Amino acid sequence: MKKTIISILLISLVSSGLLRGQNVTKQVGLRTGYRGGIFYQLTSDAGNAEAGYQAMLSFNNNGIQLTGLKIIYETSISEISPDLFFAWGYGGHLGFIYSDHVGFLGERYNFRGDRFCPLVGADGWISAEYRFRDIPLNVSLNLKPFVEITVPAFVKIMPGDLGISVSYVF
């Protein structure tokens, strides 16, 4: 499983060179929240907006999830600040957990010992991001709702994965 995750990360980093744009910015950072983790993002101009591609690695429930997102940055919210940007996006995630139980609709279903549970899901993204001009730092308040299916046939819906992201821009 480790080889598969490392292969996916390498493929995403190598294929990131396919972004065609004059100004490509890279970010690396941390996201808090229910499904927080470390992320790497590439952003470039795309018509009247900016498009970003984010890969995030999360660790929870004794497992690992890899999330890929496409994020569209609309024009800045200049009425408030020219450095404040609204963004929306979509993507998906896959991974696994080791757990002795699974929750579904407020109920808890117990297993006999820990069980390997692969999962796959779809993600959304809405954020307000502030970009500092004098230092290479971005801070974002974001909402990442998701739906996932865990292989023992359980569906998890998380409409309110609210988080704060802090990233270094280079």
N, C-alpha and C. Protein backbone atom coordinates (compact mmCIF):
# COMPACT_ATOMS: atom_id res chain seq x y z
N MET A 1 0.83 -1.19 0.00
CA MET A 1 0.00 0.00 0.00
C MET A 1 0.87 1.26 0.00
N LYS A 2 2.01 1.20 0.72
CA LYS A 2 2.90 2.36 0.76
C LYS A 2 3.45 2.66 -0.63
N LYS A 3 3.76 1.63 -1.39
CA LYS A 3 4.28 1.83 -2.75
C LYS A 3 3.23 2.48 -3.63
N THR A 4 1.97 2.11 -3.46
CA THR A 4 0.89 2.71 -4.24
C THR A 4 0.74 4.19 -3.93
N ILE A 5 0.77 4.54 -2.65
CA ILE A 5 0.63 5.94 -2.26
C ILE A 5 1.81 6.76 -2.75
N ILE A 6 3.00 6.23 -2.60
CA ILE A 6 4.19 6.94 -3.08
C ILE A 6 4.12 7.10 -4.60
N SER A 7 3.66 6.08 -5.31
CA SER A 7 3.53 6.17 -6.77
C SER A 7 2.53 7.24 -7.18
N ILE A 8 1.41 7.30 -6.48
CA ILE A 8 0.39 8.32 -6.78
C ILE A 8 0.95 9.71 -6.54
N LEU A 9 1.66 9.90 -5.43
CA LEU A 9 2.26 11.20 -5.15
C LEU A 9 3.28 11.59 -6.22
N LEU A 10 4.13 10.65 -6.63
CA LEU A 10 5.12 10.95 -7.66
C LEU A 10 4.47 11.28 -8.99
N ILE A 11 3.43 10.54 -9.36
CA ILE A 11 2.74 10.81 -10.62
C ILE A 11 2.09 12.19 -10.59
N SER A 12 1.49 12.55 -9.45
CA SER A 12 0.86 13.88 -9.37
C SER A 12 1.90 14.99 -9.42
N LEU A 13 3.07 14.79 -8.81
CA LEU A 13 4.11 15.82 -8.87
C LEU A 13 4.71 15.94 -10.27
N VAL A 14 4.92 14.81 -10.94
CA VAL A 14 5.48 14.83 -12.29
C VAL A 14 4.48 15.42 -13.27
N SER A 15 3.21 15.05 -13.14
CA SER A 15 2.21 15.56 -14.08
C SER A 15 1.86 17.02 -13.81
N SER A 16 2.28 17.56 -12.66
CA SER A 16 2.00 18.97 -12.38
C SER A 16 2.73 19.89 -13.36
N GLY A 17 3.76 19.40 -14.03
CA GLY A 17 4.45 20.19 -15.03
C GLY A 17 3.61 20.43 -16.28
N LEU A 18 2.47 19.75 -16.37
CA LEU A 18 1.59 19.95 -17.52
C LEU A 18 0.79 21.25 -17.42
N LEU A 19 0.84 21.91 -16.28
CA LEU A 19 0.17 23.20 -16.16
C LEU A 19 0.81 24.19 -17.11
N ARG A 20 0.00 24.77 -17.94
CA ARG A 20 0.53 25.74 -18.90
C ARG A 20 0.10 27.13 -18.46
N GLY A 21 1.04 27.92 -18.06
CA GLY A 21 0.75 29.27 -17.62
C GLY A 21 2.05 30.01 -17.41
N GLN A 22 1.96 31.31 -17.51
CA GLN A 22 3.16 32.09 -17.36
C GLN A 22 3.57 32.19 -15.89
N ASN A 23 2.58 32.34 -15.02
CA ASN A 23 2.87 32.51 -13.61
C ASN A 23 2.34 31.32 -12.84
N VAL A 24 3.20 30.40 -12.52
CA VAL A 24 2.81 29.25 -11.70
C VAL A 24 3.38 29.48 -10.31
N THR A 25 2.48 29.50 -9.32
CA THR A 25 2.94 29.61 -7.94
C THR A 25 2.73 28.27 -7.26
N LYS A 26 3.61 27.98 -6.35
CA LYS A 26 3.55 26.72 -5.61
C LYS A 26 3.34 27.06 -4.14
N GLN A 27 2.60 26.20 -3.48
CA GLN A 27 2.35 26.37 -2.05
C GLN A 27 2.53 25.04 -1.35
N VAL A 28 2.98 25.10 -0.14
CA VAL A 28 3.01 23.93 0.72
C VAL A 28 2.51 24.40 2.08
N GLY A 29 1.63 23.60 2.69
CA GLY A 29 1.07 24.07 3.94
C GLY A 29 0.35 23.01 4.73
N LEU A 30 -0.33 23.48 5.77
CA LEU A 30 -1.09 22.64 6.68
C LEU A 30 -2.53 23.08 6.71
N ARG A 31 -3.44 22.10 6.80
CA ARG A 31 -4.86 22.39 6.95
C ARG A 31 -5.35 21.73 8.22
N THR A 32 -6.09 22.49 9.03
CA THR A 32 -6.72 21.93 10.22
C THR A 32 -8.14 21.50 9.84
N GLY A 33 -8.84 20.90 10.75
CA GLY A 33 -10.21 20.49 10.50
C GLY A 33 -10.38 19.00 10.72
N TYR A 34 -11.59 18.51 10.45
CA TYR A 34 -11.86 17.09 10.64
C TYR A 34 -10.96 16.24 9.77
N ARG A 35 -10.77 16.63 8.52
CA ARG A 35 -9.91 15.90 7.60
C ARG A 35 -8.77 16.83 7.19
N GLY A 36 -7.97 17.23 8.15
CA GLY A 36 -6.84 18.11 7.90
C GLY A 36 -5.61 17.31 7.49
N GLY A 37 -4.57 18.01 7.11
CA GLY A 37 -3.34 17.34 6.72
C GLY A 37 -2.35 18.31 6.12
N ILE A 38 -1.36 17.75 5.43
CA ILE A 38 -0.36 18.55 4.73
C ILE A 38 -0.73 18.58 3.25
N PHE A 39 -0.47 19.71 2.59
CA PHE A 39 -0.84 19.81 1.18
C PHE A 39 0.22 20.51 0.36
N TYR A 40 0.15 20.25 -0.94
CA TYR A 40 1.00 20.89 -1.95
C TYR A 40 0.06 21.36 -3.03
N GLN A 41 0.24 22.60 -3.48
CA GLN A 41 -0.68 23.18 -4.47
C GLN A 41 0.08 23.95 -5.53
N LEU A 42 -0.37 23.80 -6.76
CA LEU A 42 0.11 24.60 -7.89
C LEU A 42 -1.03 25.47 -8.37
N THR A 43 -0.76 26.74 -8.62
CA THR A 43 -1.78 27.67 -9.08
C THR A 43 -1.26 28.43 -10.28
N SER A 44 -2.11 28.59 -11.30
CA SER A 44 -1.73 29.36 -12.49
C SER A 44 -2.94 30.11 -13.02
N ASP A 45 -2.69 31.08 -13.90
CA ASP A 45 -3.76 31.84 -14.51
C ASP A 45 -4.58 30.94 -15.43
N ALA A 46 -5.89 31.15 -15.42
CA ALA A 46 -6.80 30.38 -16.28
C ALA A 46 -7.91 31.31 -16.74
N GLY A 47 -7.67 32.05 -17.81
CA GLY A 47 -8.67 33.00 -18.29
C GLY A 47 -8.79 34.17 -17.33
N ASN A 48 -10.01 34.43 -16.86
CA ASN A 48 -10.25 35.54 -15.94
C ASN A 48 -10.03 35.16 -14.49
N ALA A 49 -9.72 33.92 -14.22
CA ALA A 49 -9.54 33.45 -12.85
C ALA A 49 -8.19 32.75 -12.72
N GLU A 50 -7.98 32.12 -11.60
CA GLU A 50 -6.80 31.29 -11.38
C GLU A 50 -7.29 29.88 -11.07
N ALA A 51 -6.56 28.89 -11.53
CA ALA A 51 -6.89 27.49 -11.23
C ALA A 51 -5.76 26.89 -10.42
N GLY A 52 -6.11 26.23 -9.36
CA GLY A 52 -5.14 25.57 -8.52
C GLY A 52 -5.41 24.08 -8.45
N TYR A 53 -4.35 23.31 -8.36
CA TYR A 53 -4.45 21.86 -8.21
C TYR A 53 -3.76 21.49 -6.91
N GLN A 54 -4.52 20.88 -6.01
CA GLN A 54 -4.02 20.61 -4.66
C GLN A 54 -4.02 19.10 -4.39
N ALA A 55 -2.94 18.63 -3.81
CA ALA A 55 -2.84 17.26 -3.32
C ALA A 55 -2.63 17.34 -1.81
N MET A 56 -3.50 16.67 -1.06
CA MET A 56 -3.41 16.73 0.40
C MET A 56 -3.32 15.31 0.96
N LEU A 57 -2.44 15.14 1.92
CA LEU A 57 -2.26 13.86 2.59
C LEU A 57 -2.76 14.02 4.03
N SER A 58 -3.75 13.19 4.39
CA SER A 58 -4.37 13.26 5.72
C SER A 58 -4.13 11.96 6.47
N PHE A 59 -4.02 12.08 7.77
CA PHE A 59 -3.84 10.92 8.64
C PHE A 59 -4.92 10.97 9.71
N ASN A 60 -5.82 9.96 9.72
CA ASN A 60 -6.78 9.84 10.82
C ASN A 60 -7.29 8.42 10.89
N ASN A 61 -7.83 8.04 12.03
CA ASN A 61 -8.34 6.68 12.29
C ASN A 61 -7.31 5.61 11.93
N ASN A 62 -6.07 5.84 12.27
CA ASN A 62 -4.98 4.90 11.98
C ASN A 62 -4.87 4.59 10.50
N GLY A 63 -5.20 5.55 9.66
CA GLY A 63 -5.13 5.36 8.22
C GLY A 63 -4.62 6.58 7.51
N ILE A 64 -4.64 6.52 6.19
CA ILE A 64 -4.14 7.60 5.34
C ILE A 64 -5.16 7.86 4.24
N GLN A 65 -5.39 9.13 3.95
CA GLN A 65 -6.23 9.52 2.82
C GLN A 65 -5.46 10.50 1.95
N LEU A 66 -5.56 10.32 0.63
CA LEU A 66 -4.97 11.22 -0.35
C LEU A 66 -6.12 11.93 -1.06
N THR A 67 -6.12 13.25 -1.00
CA THR A 67 -7.18 14.05 -1.59
C THR A 67 -6.60 14.88 -2.73
N GLY A 68 -7.29 14.91 -3.84
CA GLY A 68 -6.93 15.75 -4.97
C GLY A 68 -8.06 16.72 -5.26
N LEU A 69 -7.75 18.01 -5.36
CA LEU A 69 -8.76 19.04 -5.59
C LEU A 69 -8.36 19.95 -6.74
N LYS A 70 -9.35 20.39 -7.49
CA LYS A 70 -9.17 21.48 -8.44
C LYS A 70 -9.88 22.68 -7.83
N ILE A 71 -9.15 23.78 -7.65
CA ILE A 71 -9.69 24.96 -6.98
C ILE A 71 -9.67 26.13 -7.95
N ILE A 72 -10.80 26.81 -8.08
CA ILE A 72 -10.93 27.98 -8.95
C ILE A 72 -10.98 29.22 -8.06
N TYR A 73 -10.01 30.13 -8.26
CA TYR A 73 -9.97 31.38 -7.52
C TYR A 73 -10.61 32.46 -8.35
N GLU A 74 -11.73 32.97 -7.88
CA GLU A 74 -12.39 34.07 -8.56
C GLU A 74 -11.59 35.34 -8.31
N THR A 75 -12.01 36.42 -8.92
CA THR A 75 -11.32 37.69 -8.71
C THR A 75 -11.37 38.07 -7.23
N SER A 76 -10.47 38.91 -6.85
CA SER A 76 -10.40 39.30 -5.45
C SER A 76 -11.67 40.03 -5.03
N ILE A 77 -11.97 39.95 -3.76
CA ILE A 77 -13.12 40.66 -3.20
C ILE A 77 -12.62 42.05 -2.86
N SER A 78 -12.53 42.91 -3.89
CA SER A 78 -11.86 44.21 -3.75
C SER A 78 -12.64 45.18 -2.87
N GLU A 79 -13.94 44.95 -2.65
CA GLU A 79 -14.70 45.84 -1.77
C GLU A 79 -14.18 45.74 -0.34
N ILE A 80 -13.72 44.56 0.04
CA ILE A 80 -13.20 44.35 1.38
C ILE A 80 -11.69 44.56 1.39
N SER A 81 -10.97 43.85 0.51
CA SER A 81 -9.53 43.95 0.41
C SER A 81 -9.09 43.37 -0.93
N PRO A 82 -8.11 43.99 -1.61
CA PRO A 82 -7.65 43.43 -2.88
C PRO A 82 -6.85 42.13 -2.70
N ASP A 83 -6.50 41.80 -1.47
CA ASP A 83 -5.73 40.59 -1.20
C ASP A 83 -6.60 39.43 -0.71
N LEU A 84 -7.91 39.61 -0.68
CA LEU A 84 -8.84 38.58 -0.24
C LEU A 84 -9.50 37.95 -1.46
N PHE A 85 -9.40 36.63 -1.57
CA PHE A 85 -9.91 35.91 -2.74
C PHE A 85 -10.95 34.88 -2.31
N PHE A 86 -11.99 34.73 -3.13
CA PHE A 86 -12.99 33.69 -2.94
C PHE A 86 -12.64 32.53 -3.86
N ALA A 87 -12.76 31.30 -3.37
CA ALA A 87 -12.43 30.13 -4.18
C ALA A 87 -13.47 29.04 -3.99
N TRP A 88 -13.64 28.25 -5.02
CA TRP A 88 -14.50 27.07 -4.95
C TRP A 88 -13.84 25.95 -5.73
N GLY A 89 -14.20 24.73 -5.44
CA GLY A 89 -13.57 23.63 -6.15
C GLY A 89 -14.23 22.30 -5.89
N TYR A 90 -13.61 21.27 -6.44
CA TYR A 90 -14.14 19.92 -6.33
C TYR A 90 -12.99 18.93 -6.49
N GLY A 91 -13.24 17.71 -6.10
CA GLY A 91 -12.21 16.68 -6.22
C GLY A 91 -12.66 15.38 -5.60
N GLY A 92 -11.70 14.59 -5.22
CA GLY A 92 -12.01 13.30 -4.63
C GLY A 92 -10.88 12.83 -3.73
N HIS A 93 -11.14 11.77 -3.02
CA HIS A 93 -10.11 11.21 -2.14
C HIS A 93 -10.24 9.70 -2.10
N LEU A 94 -9.13 9.07 -1.75
CA LEU A 94 -9.11 7.63 -1.53
C LEU A 94 -8.10 7.33 -0.45
N GLY A 95 -8.27 6.20 0.16
CA GLY A 95 -7.37 5.82 1.24
C GLY A 95 -7.89 4.64 2.00
N PHE A 96 -7.51 4.57 3.26
CA PHE A 96 -7.95 3.46 4.11
C PHE A 96 -7.90 3.89 5.57
N ILE A 97 -8.63 3.16 6.39
CA ILE A 97 -8.56 3.32 7.84
C ILE A 97 -8.45 1.93 8.46
N TYR A 98 -7.93 1.86 9.65
CA TYR A 98 -7.96 0.66 10.49
C TYR A 98 -8.85 1.01 11.67
N SER A 99 -9.92 0.29 11.85
CA SER A 99 -10.84 0.64 12.91
C SER A 99 -11.52 -0.60 13.47
N ASP A 100 -11.96 -0.51 14.71
CA ASP A 100 -12.73 -1.60 15.30
C ASP A 100 -14.23 -1.30 15.25
N HIS A 101 -14.57 -0.17 14.62
CA HIS A 101 -15.98 0.19 14.48
C HIS A 101 -16.16 1.11 13.27
N VAL A 102 -17.38 1.22 12.82
CA VAL A 102 -17.75 2.16 11.76
C VAL A 102 -19.04 2.82 12.20
N GLY A 103 -19.15 4.13 12.01
CA GLY A 103 -20.37 4.84 12.35
C GLY A 103 -21.19 5.13 11.11
N PHE A 104 -22.51 5.03 11.23
CA PHE A 104 -23.41 5.31 10.12
C PHE A 104 -24.71 5.87 10.67
N LEU A 105 -25.07 7.09 10.26
CA LEU A 105 -26.29 7.77 10.69
C LEU A 105 -26.43 7.78 12.21
N GLY A 106 -25.36 8.10 12.89
CA GLY A 106 -25.37 8.20 14.35
C GLY A 106 -25.27 6.88 15.08
N GLU A 107 -25.25 5.79 14.37
CA GLU A 107 -25.13 4.46 14.99
C GLU A 107 -23.68 3.98 14.92
N ARG A 108 -23.29 3.16 15.85
CA ARG A 108 -21.94 2.61 15.89
C ARG A 108 -22.02 1.10 15.68
N TYR A 109 -21.26 0.61 14.70
CA TYR A 109 -21.22 -0.81 14.40
C TYR A 109 -19.81 -1.32 14.72
N ASN A 110 -19.74 -2.24 15.66
CA ASN A 110 -18.45 -2.73 16.14
C ASN A 110 -18.01 -3.97 15.38
N PHE A 111 -16.69 -4.08 15.16
CA PHE A 111 -16.09 -5.26 14.58
C PHE A 111 -15.39 -6.04 15.69
N ARG A 112 -14.95 -7.24 15.38
CA ARG A 112 -14.14 -8.01 16.32
C ARG A 112 -12.68 -7.72 16.01
N GLY A 113 -12.12 -6.75 16.68
CA GLY A 113 -10.74 -6.34 16.42
C GLY A 113 -10.69 -5.29 15.31
N ASP A 114 -9.48 -4.78 15.08
CA ASP A 114 -9.31 -3.77 14.03
C ASP A 114 -9.47 -4.40 12.66
N ARG A 115 -10.05 -3.64 11.75
CA ARG A 115 -10.29 -4.12 10.39
C ARG A 115 -9.77 -3.08 9.40
N PHE A 116 -9.16 -3.56 8.33
CA PHE A 116 -8.70 -2.70 7.24
C PHE A 116 -9.91 -2.32 6.41
N CYS A 117 -10.17 -1.02 6.28
CA CYS A 117 -11.35 -0.53 5.56
C CYS A 117 -10.93 0.47 4.48
N PRO A 118 -10.85 0.06 3.21
CA PRO A 118 -10.58 1.01 2.15
C PRO A 118 -11.76 1.97 1.98
N LEU A 119 -11.46 3.16 1.49
CA LEU A 119 -12.53 4.14 1.28
C LEU A 119 -12.25 4.98 0.05
N VAL A 120 -13.33 5.52 -0.52
CA VAL A 120 -13.25 6.42 -1.66
C VAL A 120 -14.35 7.46 -1.48
N GLY A 121 -14.08 8.69 -1.92
CA GLY A 121 -15.08 9.73 -1.72
C GLY A 121 -14.95 10.89 -2.68
N ALA A 122 -15.96 11.76 -2.64
CA ALA A 122 -16.00 12.98 -3.44
C ALA A 122 -15.98 14.18 -2.50
N ASP A 123 -15.26 15.22 -2.90
CA ASP A 123 -15.06 16.40 -2.06
C ASP A 123 -15.51 17.67 -2.77
N GLY A 124 -15.92 18.64 -1.98
CA GLY A 124 -16.17 20.00 -2.46
C GLY A 124 -15.23 20.95 -1.75
N TRP A 125 -15.20 22.21 -2.18
CA TRP A 125 -14.28 23.18 -1.58
C TRP A 125 -14.86 24.59 -1.75
N ILE A 126 -14.95 25.31 -0.66
CA ILE A 126 -15.32 26.73 -0.67
C ILE A 126 -14.38 27.41 0.32
N SER A 127 -13.77 28.53 -0.10
CA SER A 127 -12.84 29.19 0.83
C SER A 127 -12.76 30.68 0.57
N ALA A 128 -12.30 31.37 1.58
CA ALA A 128 -11.91 32.77 1.50
C ALA A 128 -10.43 32.80 1.90
N GLU A 129 -9.59 33.25 0.96
CA GLU A 129 -8.14 33.20 1.18
C GLU A 129 -7.57 34.60 1.19
N TYR A 130 -6.73 34.87 2.19
CA TYR A 130 -6.03 36.15 2.26
C TYR A 130 -4.57 35.91 1.89
N ARG A 131 -4.08 36.71 0.94
CA ARG A 131 -2.70 36.59 0.47
C ARG A 131 -1.91 37.80 0.95
N PHE A 132 -0.91 37.57 1.77
CA PHE A 132 -0.08 38.65 2.27
C PHE A 132 0.87 39.10 1.16
N ARG A 133 1.03 40.39 1.00
CA ARG A 133 1.90 40.91 -0.07
C ARG A 133 3.37 40.94 0.33
N ASP A 134 3.64 41.26 1.59
CA ASP A 134 5.03 41.47 2.02
C ASP A 134 5.75 40.18 2.42
N ILE A 135 5.00 39.15 2.76
CA ILE A 135 5.61 37.88 3.14
C ILE A 135 4.97 36.77 2.31
N PRO A 136 5.68 35.69 2.03
CA PRO A 136 5.13 34.61 1.19
C PRO A 136 4.22 33.67 1.99
N LEU A 137 3.05 34.19 2.40
CA LEU A 137 2.15 33.43 3.26
C LEU A 137 0.71 33.65 2.82
N ASN A 138 -0.06 32.57 2.78
CA ASN A 138 -1.50 32.63 2.52
C ASN A 138 -2.21 31.99 3.70
N VAL A 139 -3.35 32.59 4.09
CA VAL A 139 -4.19 32.04 5.15
C VAL A 139 -5.60 31.91 4.58
N SER A 140 -6.22 30.76 4.82
CA SER A 140 -7.51 30.48 4.23
C SER A 140 -8.47 29.91 5.26
N LEU A 141 -9.71 30.39 5.24
CA LEU A 141 -10.80 29.77 5.99
C LEU A 141 -11.59 28.98 4.97
N ASN A 142 -11.70 27.67 5.14
CA ASN A 142 -12.29 26.85 4.10
C ASN A 142 -13.26 25.83 4.66
N LEU A 143 -14.16 25.43 3.78
CA LEU A 143 -15.15 24.40 4.05
C LEU A 143 -14.96 23.31 3.01
N LYS A 144 -14.75 22.06 3.47
CA LYS A 144 -14.50 20.95 2.55
C LYS A 144 -15.51 19.83 2.83
N PRO A 145 -16.74 19.98 2.34
CA PRO A 145 -17.71 18.90 2.55
C PRO A 145 -17.32 17.67 1.73
N PHE A 146 -17.65 16.49 2.24
CA PHE A 146 -17.34 15.28 1.49
C PHE A 146 -18.34 14.18 1.76
N VAL A 147 -18.38 13.25 0.83
CA VAL A 147 -19.16 12.02 0.94
C VAL A 147 -18.19 10.90 0.64
N GLU A 148 -18.21 9.85 1.46
CA GLU A 148 -17.30 8.74 1.19
C GLU A 148 -17.99 7.41 1.45
N ILE A 149 -17.49 6.41 0.74
CA ILE A 149 -17.97 5.05 0.91
C ILE A 149 -16.81 4.23 1.46
N THR A 150 -17.07 3.57 2.59
CA THR A 150 -16.10 2.67 3.18
C THR A 150 -16.51 1.25 2.82
N VAL A 151 -15.56 0.43 2.46
CA VAL A 151 -15.86 -0.88 1.87
C VAL A 151 -16.80 -1.77 2.67
N PRO A 152 -16.84 -1.78 4.00
CA PRO A 152 -17.90 -2.61 4.59
C PRO A 152 -19.28 -2.02 4.35
N ALA A 153 -19.46 -1.31 3.23
CA ALA A 153 -20.76 -0.80 2.78
C ALA A 153 -21.35 0.26 3.70
N PHE A 154 -20.53 1.20 4.15
CA PHE A 154 -21.01 2.31 4.94
C PHE A 154 -20.75 3.62 4.19
N VAL A 155 -21.68 4.53 4.30
CA VAL A 155 -21.56 5.84 3.65
C VAL A 155 -21.42 6.89 4.74
N LYS A 156 -20.44 7.77 4.57
CA LYS A 156 -20.23 8.86 5.52
C LYS A 156 -20.45 10.17 4.78
N ILE A 157 -21.27 11.03 5.35
CA ILE A 157 -21.53 12.35 4.78
C ILE A 157 -21.07 13.38 5.80
N MET A 158 -20.15 14.26 5.38
CA MET A 158 -19.62 15.29 6.26
C MET A 158 -19.84 16.64 5.58
N PRO A 159 -20.96 17.33 5.88
CA PRO A 159 -21.22 18.60 5.22
C PRO A 159 -20.44 19.77 5.81
N GLY A 160 -19.84 19.60 6.99
CA GLY A 160 -19.24 20.74 7.67
C GLY A 160 -17.80 20.55 8.08
N ASP A 161 -16.93 20.12 7.20
CA ASP A 161 -15.50 19.99 7.53
C ASP A 161 -14.86 21.37 7.39
N LEU A 162 -15.00 22.18 8.41
CA LEU A 162 -14.47 23.54 8.42
C LEU A 162 -13.02 23.53 8.87
N GLY A 163 -12.16 24.25 8.17
CA GLY A 163 -10.75 24.26 8.52
C GLY A 163 -10.08 25.57 8.21
N ILE A 164 -8.88 25.70 8.72
CA ILE A 164 -8.02 26.85 8.45
C ILE A 164 -6.74 26.31 7.82
N SER A 165 -6.35 26.90 6.70
CA SER A 165 -5.12 26.50 6.03
C SER A 165 -4.11 27.63 6.08
N VAL A 166 -2.87 27.26 6.34
CA VAL A 166 -1.77 28.21 6.32
C VAL A 166 -0.73 27.62 5.39
N SER A 167 -0.30 28.43 4.40
CA SER A 167 0.65 27.89 3.42
C SER A 167 1.76 28.88 3.11
N TYR A 168 2.91 28.32 2.81
CA TYR A 168 4.08 29.06 2.37
C TYR A 168 4.08 29.06 0.85
N VAL A 169 4.23 30.23 0.25
CA VAL A 169 4.18 30.39 -1.20
C VAL A 169 5.60 30.56 -1.73
N PHE A 170 5.94 29.80 -2.77
CA PHE A 170 7.26 29.93 -3.39
C PHE A 170 7.17 29.81 -4.89
